[in-house]
Amino acid sequence: MPIVVRLDLMLARRKVKSRDLAEFVGITEANMSLLKHGKIRGVRFDTLEKICAYLDCQPGDLLCYVPEDAPGS
């Protein structure tokens, strides 16, 4: 998939537990885990907004486009 979720990296940089972020955002820890590992097909803008607010980051800090034909993909 060309869109890579880098939420796990941002959580580590901010020293935030995914459990705490899930509670703030209002989603289950299971759904946060799916999001963190890129096992989702989409994310609601309001969810993305809450994540960015909590982590003090931009959506581009969490999502990265990697073309499928790029070396190493």
N, C-alpha and C. Protein backbone atom coordinates (compact mmCIF):
# COMPACT_ATOMS: atom_id res chain seq x y z
N MET A 1 0.85 -1.18 0.00
CA MET A 1 0.00 0.00 0.00
C MET A 1 0.89 1.24 0.00
N PRO A 2 0.63 2.19 -0.87
CA PRO A 2 1.48 3.37 -0.99
C PRO A 2 1.44 4.32 0.21
N ILE A 3 0.41 4.28 1.04
CA ILE A 3 0.35 5.15 2.22
C ILE A 3 0.84 4.36 3.43
N VAL A 4 1.87 4.87 4.06
CA VAL A 4 2.46 4.22 5.23
C VAL A 4 2.10 5.03 6.47
N VAL A 5 1.59 4.37 7.49
CA VAL A 5 1.23 5.02 8.76
C VAL A 5 2.44 4.98 9.68
N ARG A 6 2.85 6.16 10.14
CA ARG A 6 4.02 6.28 11.02
C ARG A 6 3.62 6.69 12.43
N LEU A 7 2.42 6.29 12.85
CA LEU A 7 1.93 6.64 14.19
C LEU A 7 2.83 6.05 15.27
N ASP A 8 3.31 4.84 15.06
CA ASP A 8 4.17 4.22 16.07
C ASP A 8 5.44 5.03 16.32
N LEU A 9 6.00 5.60 15.27
CA LEU A 9 7.19 6.44 15.43
C LEU A 9 6.88 7.71 16.22
N MET A 10 5.74 8.32 15.92
CA MET A 10 5.36 9.56 16.62
C MET A 10 5.06 9.29 18.09
N LEU A 11 4.42 8.16 18.37
CA LEU A 11 4.15 7.79 19.76
C LEU A 11 5.47 7.63 20.52
N ALA A 12 6.44 6.99 19.90
CA ALA A 12 7.74 6.79 20.55
C ALA A 12 8.45 8.13 20.76
N ARG A 13 8.41 9.01 19.76
CA ARG A 13 9.06 10.32 19.88
C ARG A 13 8.45 11.15 21.00
N ARG A 14 7.13 11.06 21.13
CA ARG A 14 6.44 11.86 22.15
C ARG A 14 6.36 11.15 23.50
N LYS A 15 6.83 9.88 23.52
CA LYS A 15 6.78 9.06 24.74
C LYS A 15 5.35 8.96 25.28
N VAL A 16 4.44 8.64 24.35
CA VAL A 16 3.02 8.52 24.66
C VAL A 16 2.62 7.05 24.49
N LYS A 17 1.81 6.55 25.40
CA LYS A 17 1.29 5.19 25.29
C LYS A 17 0.06 5.20 24.38
N SER A 18 -0.04 4.19 23.54
CA SER A 18 -1.18 4.12 22.63
C SER A 18 -2.49 4.03 23.41
N ARG A 19 -2.46 3.44 24.59
CA ARG A 19 -3.65 3.35 25.45
C ARG A 19 -4.16 4.74 25.81
N ASP A 20 -3.25 5.64 26.17
CA ASP A 20 -3.63 7.01 26.54
C ASP A 20 -4.18 7.76 25.33
N LEU A 21 -3.55 7.58 24.18
CA LEU A 21 -4.03 8.23 22.97
C LEU A 21 -5.40 7.71 22.57
N ALA A 22 -5.61 6.40 22.65
CA ALA A 22 -6.90 5.81 22.32
C ALA A 22 -8.01 6.38 23.20
N GLU A 23 -7.72 6.52 24.49
CA GLU A 23 -8.71 7.08 25.42
C GLU A 23 -9.05 8.52 25.05
N PHE A 24 -8.04 9.33 24.73
CA PHE A 24 -8.25 10.72 24.36
C PHE A 24 -9.07 10.83 23.08
N VAL A 25 -8.73 10.01 22.10
CA VAL A 25 -9.39 10.06 20.79
C VAL A 25 -10.81 9.51 20.86
N GLY A 26 -11.01 8.53 21.76
CA GLY A 26 -12.33 7.93 21.89
C GLY A 26 -12.51 6.69 21.02
N ILE A 27 -11.41 5.95 20.82
CA ILE A 27 -11.48 4.69 20.10
C ILE A 27 -10.91 3.59 20.99
N THR A 28 -11.19 2.35 20.63
CA THR A 28 -10.71 1.23 21.44
C THR A 28 -9.21 1.06 21.25
N GLU A 29 -8.60 0.40 22.21
CA GLU A 29 -7.17 0.10 22.10
C GLU A 29 -6.91 -0.82 20.91
N ALA A 30 -7.86 -1.71 20.62
CA ALA A 30 -7.72 -2.61 19.47
C ALA A 30 -7.70 -1.82 18.17
N ASN A 31 -8.59 -0.84 18.04
CA ASN A 31 -8.60 -0.02 16.83
C ASN A 31 -7.36 0.86 16.74
N MET A 32 -6.87 1.33 17.88
CA MET A 32 -5.64 2.12 17.88
C MET A 32 -4.47 1.26 17.41
N SER A 33 -4.44 0.01 17.84
CA SER A 33 -3.39 -0.91 17.42
C SER A 33 -3.44 -1.15 15.91
N LEU A 34 -4.64 -1.34 15.37
CA LEU A 34 -4.79 -1.52 13.93
C LEU A 34 -4.30 -0.28 13.18
N LEU A 35 -4.65 0.88 13.67
CA LEU A 35 -4.21 2.13 13.06
C LEU A 35 -2.69 2.26 13.14
N LYS A 36 -2.14 1.97 14.31
CA LYS A 36 -0.71 2.10 14.54
C LYS A 36 0.11 1.19 13.62
N HIS A 37 -0.43 0.04 13.31
CA HIS A 37 0.28 -0.93 12.47
C HIS A 37 -0.12 -0.86 10.99
N GLY A 38 -0.91 0.16 10.63
CA GLY A 38 -1.26 0.35 9.23
C GLY A 38 -2.21 -0.69 8.67
N LYS A 39 -2.98 -1.33 9.53
CA LYS A 39 -3.90 -2.39 9.10
C LYS A 39 -5.31 -1.86 8.85
N ILE A 40 -5.42 -0.60 8.48
CA ILE A 40 -6.72 0.02 8.24
C ILE A 40 -6.83 0.45 6.79
N ARG A 41 -8.05 0.70 6.36
CA ARG A 41 -8.28 1.15 4.99
C ARG A 41 -8.59 2.64 4.94
N GLY A 42 -8.88 3.22 6.09
CA GLY A 42 -9.20 4.64 6.13
C GLY A 42 -9.24 5.14 7.56
N VAL A 43 -9.21 6.45 7.68
CA VAL A 43 -9.29 7.08 9.00
C VAL A 43 -10.16 8.34 8.86
N ARG A 44 -11.02 8.54 9.83
CA ARG A 44 -11.89 9.72 9.81
C ARG A 44 -11.06 10.97 10.12
N PHE A 45 -11.43 12.07 9.47
CA PHE A 45 -10.70 13.31 9.70
C PHE A 45 -10.79 13.76 11.15
N ASP A 46 -11.92 13.54 11.81
CA ASP A 46 -12.02 13.96 13.21
C ASP A 46 -11.09 13.12 14.10
N THR A 47 -10.91 11.86 13.75
CA THR A 47 -9.96 11.01 14.49
C THR A 47 -8.54 11.50 14.26
N LEU A 48 -8.21 11.78 13.02
CA LEU A 48 -6.89 12.29 12.68
C LEU A 48 -6.62 13.63 13.37
N GLU A 49 -7.64 14.48 13.42
CA GLU A 49 -7.52 15.78 14.10
C GLU A 49 -7.20 15.60 15.58
N LYS A 50 -7.89 14.69 16.25
CA LYS A 50 -7.66 14.46 17.68
C LYS A 50 -6.27 13.89 17.93
N ILE A 51 -5.84 12.98 17.05
CA ILE A 51 -4.50 12.41 17.19
C ILE A 51 -3.45 13.51 17.06
N CYS A 52 -3.60 14.35 16.05
CA CYS A 52 -2.65 15.45 15.84
C CYS A 52 -2.66 16.43 17.01
N ALA A 53 -3.82 16.71 17.55
CA ALA A 53 -3.91 17.63 18.69
C ALA A 53 -3.19 17.04 19.90
N TYR A 54 -3.40 15.77 20.17
CA TYR A 54 -2.79 15.13 21.34
C TYR A 54 -1.28 15.03 21.20
N LEU A 55 -0.83 14.69 19.99
CA LEU A 55 0.61 14.49 19.76
C LEU A 55 1.32 15.77 19.32
N ASP A 56 0.57 16.86 19.16
CA ASP A 56 1.13 18.14 18.71
C ASP A 56 1.95 17.94 17.43
N CYS A 57 1.25 17.43 16.40
CA CYS A 57 1.92 17.16 15.13
C CYS A 57 0.98 17.47 13.96
N GLN A 58 1.48 17.30 12.78
CA GLN A 58 0.70 17.50 11.55
C GLN A 58 0.36 16.14 10.94
N PRO A 59 -0.71 16.06 10.13
CA PRO A 59 -1.04 14.78 9.48
C PRO A 59 0.13 14.19 8.69
N GLY A 60 0.94 15.03 8.09
CA GLY A 60 2.10 14.56 7.34
C GLY A 60 3.16 13.91 8.21
N ASP A 61 3.11 14.16 9.52
CA ASP A 61 4.03 13.49 10.44
C ASP A 61 3.60 12.05 10.69
N LEU A 62 2.33 11.77 10.41
CA LEU A 62 1.76 10.45 10.69
C LEU A 62 1.60 9.58 9.45
N LEU A 63 1.49 10.21 8.29
CA LEU A 63 1.25 9.50 7.04
C LEU A 63 2.33 9.83 6.03
N CYS A 64 2.75 8.82 5.30
CA CYS A 64 3.80 9.00 4.31
C CYS A 64 3.42 8.26 3.03
N TYR A 65 3.63 8.90 1.89
CA TYR A 65 3.35 8.27 0.59
C TYR A 65 4.63 7.63 0.05
N VAL A 66 4.57 6.33 -0.19
CA VAL A 66 5.70 5.60 -0.77
C VAL A 66 5.17 4.87 -2.01
N PRO A 67 5.53 5.33 -3.20
CA PRO A 67 5.05 4.67 -4.41
C PRO A 67 5.38 3.18 -4.41
N GLU A 68 4.47 2.37 -4.94
CA GLU A 68 4.66 0.92 -4.94
C GLU A 68 5.86 0.50 -5.78
N ASP A 69 6.22 1.29 -6.78
CA ASP A 69 7.34 0.93 -7.62
C ASP A 69 8.68 1.50 -7.11
N ALA A 70 8.66 2.08 -5.91
CA ALA A 70 9.88 2.64 -5.33
C ALA A 70 10.81 1.51 -4.90
N PRO A 71 12.12 1.71 -5.01
CA PRO A 71 13.07 0.69 -4.56
C PRO A 71 12.84 0.32 -3.09
N GLY A 72 12.85 -0.96 -2.79
CA GLY A 72 12.67 -1.41 -1.43
C GLY A 72 11.24 -1.55 -0.99
N SER A 73 10.27 -1.29 -1.87
CA SER A 73 8.87 -1.42 -1.46
C SER A 73 8.27 -2.70 -1.95
